[in-house]
Amino acid sequence: MFDKKEIEQALQAAFKDGKVVVEGDDGVHFHATVTSESFRGKTRIQQHQMVYRVLGEKVGNEIHALGLTTKTPETHHDN
């Protein structure tokens, strides 16, 4: 089992300029929304790869499933 706060802390440490919100209370299925200036000029795939690099091998193991939304600050209010 994994705690959403652990995911949130790891992502916030990596994306210091951003906002991170992680949802999920069952310990294995989560959804993270990461808003960061670091994503500017990157494709959605590149943005997601940046997030997955932070979490490493935990995704697919301790974190069974991770839904992901990535945004730049100006698109934060979209969707």
N, C-alpha and C. Protein backbone atom coordinates (compact mmCIF):
# COMPACT_ATOMS: atom_id res chain seq x y z
N MET A 1 0.84 -1.18 0.00
CA MET A 1 0.00 0.00 0.00
C MET A 1 0.89 1.25 0.00
N PHE A 2 0.39 2.27 -0.65
CA PHE A 2 1.12 3.52 -0.81
C PHE A 2 0.22 4.65 -0.36
N ASP A 3 0.78 5.70 0.13
CA ASP A 3 0.02 6.84 0.61
C ASP A 3 0.08 7.97 -0.42
N LYS A 4 -1.05 8.58 -0.71
CA LYS A 4 -1.06 9.65 -1.71
C LYS A 4 -0.18 10.82 -1.30
N LYS A 5 0.03 11.02 -0.01
CA LYS A 5 0.92 12.10 0.45
C LYS A 5 2.36 11.85 0.02
N GLU A 6 2.78 10.59 -0.02
CA GLU A 6 4.14 10.26 -0.46
C GLU A 6 4.33 10.64 -1.93
N ILE A 7 3.32 10.36 -2.73
CA ILE A 7 3.37 10.71 -4.16
C ILE A 7 3.40 12.22 -4.30
N GLU A 8 2.52 12.88 -3.57
CA GLU A 8 2.43 14.34 -3.62
C GLU A 8 3.77 14.98 -3.24
N GLN A 9 4.39 14.49 -2.18
CA GLN A 9 5.67 15.05 -1.72
C GLN A 9 6.77 14.84 -2.75
N ALA A 10 6.82 13.66 -3.33
CA ALA A 10 7.86 13.37 -4.34
C ALA A 10 7.69 14.27 -5.55
N LEU A 11 6.45 14.43 -6.01
CA LEU A 11 6.20 15.26 -7.19
C LEU A 11 6.43 16.74 -6.88
N GLN A 12 6.02 17.18 -5.71
CA GLN A 12 6.21 18.59 -5.35
C GLN A 12 7.70 18.92 -5.23
N ALA A 13 8.49 17.98 -4.73
CA ALA A 13 9.94 18.18 -4.64
C ALA A 13 10.56 18.30 -6.03
N ALA A 14 10.05 17.54 -6.98
CA ALA A 14 10.59 17.56 -8.34
C ALA A 14 10.11 18.77 -9.13
N PHE A 15 8.88 19.19 -8.89
CA PHE A 15 8.29 20.31 -9.61
C PHE A 15 8.04 21.45 -8.62
N LYS A 16 9.13 22.01 -8.12
CA LYS A 16 9.07 23.02 -7.07
C LYS A 16 8.25 24.24 -7.45
N ASP A 17 8.22 24.56 -8.73
CA ASP A 17 7.48 25.73 -9.20
C ASP A 17 6.00 25.44 -9.38
N GLY A 18 5.59 24.21 -9.18
CA GLY A 18 4.24 23.82 -9.56
C GLY A 18 3.30 23.53 -8.42
N LYS A 19 2.14 23.09 -8.83
CA LYS A 19 1.09 22.68 -7.90
C LYS A 19 0.79 21.21 -8.18
N VAL A 20 0.72 20.42 -7.12
CA VAL A 20 0.48 18.99 -7.25
C VAL A 20 -0.72 18.62 -6.40
N VAL A 21 -1.67 17.89 -6.99
CA VAL A 21 -2.82 17.37 -6.26
C VAL A 21 -2.91 15.89 -6.59
N VAL A 22 -2.92 15.05 -5.55
CA VAL A 22 -3.04 13.61 -5.74
C VAL A 22 -4.29 13.13 -5.04
N GLU A 23 -5.09 12.35 -5.75
CA GLU A 23 -6.32 11.78 -5.19
C GLU A 23 -6.20 10.26 -5.22
N GLY A 24 -6.93 9.63 -4.31
CA GLY A 24 -6.96 8.17 -4.25
C GLY A 24 -6.76 7.71 -2.83
N ASP A 25 -7.68 6.91 -2.35
CA ASP A 25 -7.62 6.51 -0.95
C ASP A 25 -7.49 5.02 -0.73
N ASP A 26 -7.36 4.23 -1.81
CA ASP A 26 -7.28 2.78 -1.61
C ASP A 26 -5.85 2.27 -1.50
N GLY A 27 -4.86 3.16 -1.66
CA GLY A 27 -3.47 2.78 -1.49
C GLY A 27 -2.79 2.21 -2.72
N VAL A 28 -3.54 2.01 -3.82
CA VAL A 28 -2.93 1.46 -5.04
C VAL A 28 -3.36 2.17 -6.31
N HIS A 29 -4.51 2.85 -6.31
CA HIS A 29 -5.02 3.55 -7.48
C HIS A 29 -5.06 5.05 -7.17
N PHE A 30 -4.39 5.84 -8.02
CA PHE A 30 -4.28 7.27 -7.76
C PHE A 30 -4.50 8.07 -9.03
N HIS A 31 -4.81 9.34 -8.85
CA HIS A 31 -4.83 10.30 -9.95
C HIS A 31 -4.06 11.52 -9.49
N ALA A 32 -3.10 11.94 -10.29
CA ALA A 32 -2.30 13.12 -9.97
C ALA A 32 -2.53 14.20 -11.02
N THR A 33 -2.71 15.42 -10.55
CA THR A 33 -2.75 16.59 -11.42
C THR A 33 -1.53 17.44 -11.07
N VAL A 34 -0.68 17.66 -12.06
CA VAL A 34 0.54 18.42 -11.84
C VAL A 34 0.53 19.62 -12.78
N THR A 35 0.61 20.80 -12.21
CA THR A 35 0.67 22.05 -12.97
C THR A 35 2.05 22.63 -12.76
N SER A 36 2.80 22.81 -13.85
CA SER A 36 4.18 23.27 -13.70
C SER A 36 4.65 24.03 -14.94
N GLU A 37 5.42 25.05 -14.69
CA GLU A 37 6.06 25.80 -15.77
C GLU A 37 7.05 24.90 -16.51
N SER A 38 7.55 23.88 -15.84
CA SER A 38 8.51 22.94 -16.45
C SER A 38 7.94 22.24 -17.68
N PHE A 39 6.63 22.22 -17.81
CA PHE A 39 5.98 21.53 -18.92
C PHE A 39 5.88 22.39 -20.18
N ARG A 40 6.20 23.67 -20.06
CA ARG A 40 6.07 24.58 -21.20
C ARG A 40 6.91 24.08 -22.38
N GLY A 41 6.29 24.02 -23.55
CA GLY A 41 6.99 23.62 -24.76
C GLY A 41 7.15 22.11 -24.92
N LYS A 42 6.64 21.36 -23.97
CA LYS A 42 6.73 19.90 -24.02
C LYS A 42 5.40 19.31 -24.48
N THR A 43 5.47 18.18 -25.19
CA THR A 43 4.24 17.49 -25.58
C THR A 43 3.64 16.85 -24.33
N ARG A 44 2.41 16.45 -24.43
CA ARG A 44 1.74 15.77 -23.31
C ARG A 44 2.52 14.51 -22.93
N ILE A 45 3.00 13.78 -23.91
CA ILE A 45 3.77 12.56 -23.64
C ILE A 45 5.05 12.90 -22.88
N GLN A 46 5.76 13.93 -23.31
CA GLN A 46 6.99 14.34 -22.62
C GLN A 46 6.69 14.77 -21.17
N GLN A 47 5.57 15.48 -20.98
CA GLN A 47 5.18 15.90 -19.64
C GLN A 47 4.94 14.68 -18.75
N HIS A 48 4.22 13.70 -19.27
CA HIS A 48 3.92 12.50 -18.49
C HIS A 48 5.20 11.72 -18.20
N GLN A 49 6.11 11.67 -19.17
CA GLN A 49 7.39 10.99 -18.95
C GLN A 49 8.17 11.66 -17.82
N MET A 50 8.11 12.98 -17.73
CA MET A 50 8.79 13.70 -16.66
C MET A 50 8.25 13.27 -15.30
N VAL A 51 6.93 13.13 -15.20
CA VAL A 51 6.31 12.72 -13.95
C VAL A 51 6.67 11.28 -13.62
N TYR A 52 6.57 10.40 -14.61
CA TYR A 52 6.88 8.99 -14.37
C TYR A 52 8.34 8.78 -13.96
N ARG A 53 9.25 9.61 -14.49
CA ARG A 53 10.66 9.50 -14.09
C ARG A 53 10.83 9.78 -12.60
N VAL A 54 10.05 10.71 -12.08
CA VAL A 54 10.13 11.04 -10.65
C VAL A 54 9.71 9.84 -9.80
N LEU A 55 8.65 9.18 -10.21
CA LEU A 55 8.11 8.07 -9.41
C LEU A 55 8.80 6.75 -9.68
N GLY A 56 9.49 6.66 -10.81
CA GLY A 56 10.30 5.49 -11.12
C GLY A 56 9.55 4.17 -11.10
N GLU A 57 10.18 3.18 -10.54
CA GLU A 57 9.64 1.82 -10.54
C GLU A 57 8.46 1.63 -9.60
N LYS A 58 8.14 2.65 -8.82
CA LYS A 58 6.96 2.55 -7.95
C LYS A 58 5.69 2.40 -8.78
N VAL A 59 5.67 3.05 -9.96
CA VAL A 59 4.51 2.92 -10.84
C VAL A 59 4.51 1.51 -11.43
N GLY A 60 3.42 0.82 -11.24
CA GLY A 60 3.32 -0.56 -11.70
C GLY A 60 3.65 -1.55 -10.59
N ASN A 61 4.21 -1.07 -9.52
CA ASN A 61 4.52 -1.92 -8.37
C ASN A 61 3.71 -1.43 -7.16
N GLU A 62 4.30 -0.60 -6.31
CA GLU A 62 3.57 -0.07 -5.16
C GLU A 62 2.35 0.76 -5.61
N ILE A 63 2.53 1.50 -6.68
CA ILE A 63 1.43 2.29 -7.27
C ILE A 63 0.89 1.46 -8.42
N HIS A 64 -0.22 0.79 -8.19
CA HIS A 64 -0.77 -0.11 -9.20
C HIS A 64 -1.23 0.66 -10.45
N ALA A 65 -1.90 1.80 -10.23
CA ALA A 65 -2.40 2.59 -11.36
C ALA A 65 -2.31 4.07 -11.02
N LEU A 66 -1.89 4.86 -12.01
CA LEU A 66 -1.77 6.30 -11.83
C LEU A 66 -2.37 7.00 -13.02
N GLY A 67 -3.52 7.65 -12.80
CA GLY A 67 -4.07 8.54 -13.81
C GLY A 67 -3.32 9.85 -13.70
N LEU A 68 -3.12 10.52 -14.82
CA LEU A 68 -2.26 11.69 -14.80
C LEU A 68 -2.81 12.81 -15.67
N THR A 69 -2.85 14.00 -15.10
CA THR A 69 -3.17 15.21 -15.84
C THR A 69 -2.01 16.17 -15.62
N THR A 70 -1.44 16.67 -16.72
CA THR A 70 -0.36 17.64 -16.62
C THR A 70 -0.77 18.91 -17.34
N LYS A 71 -0.36 20.06 -16.76
CA LYS A 71 -0.75 21.35 -17.32
C LYS A 71 0.35 22.37 -17.08
N THR A 72 0.37 23.38 -17.94
CA THR A 72 1.18 24.57 -17.66
C THR A 72 0.28 25.54 -16.91
N PRO A 73 0.85 26.52 -16.23
CA PRO A 73 0.02 27.43 -15.43
C PRO A 73 -1.14 28.08 -16.20
N GLU A 74 -0.92 28.48 -17.43
CA GLU A 74 -2.02 29.14 -18.15
C GLU A 74 -3.12 28.18 -18.58
N THR A 75 -2.83 26.88 -18.65
CA THR A 75 -3.87 25.91 -19.00
C THR A 75 -4.47 25.28 -17.76
N HIS A 76 -4.04 25.71 -16.58
CA HIS A 76 -4.50 25.13 -15.33
C HIS A 76 -6.03 25.15 -15.20
N HIS A 77 -6.65 26.18 -15.71
CA HIS A 77 -8.10 26.29 -15.56
C HIS A 77 -8.86 25.62 -16.68
N ASP A 78 -8.15 25.11 -17.70
CA ASP A 78 -8.80 24.37 -18.79
C ASP A 78 -9.13 22.97 -18.28
N ASN A 79 -10.10 22.33 -18.94
CA ASN A 79 -10.54 20.96 -18.63
C ASN A 79 -11.25 20.90 -17.33
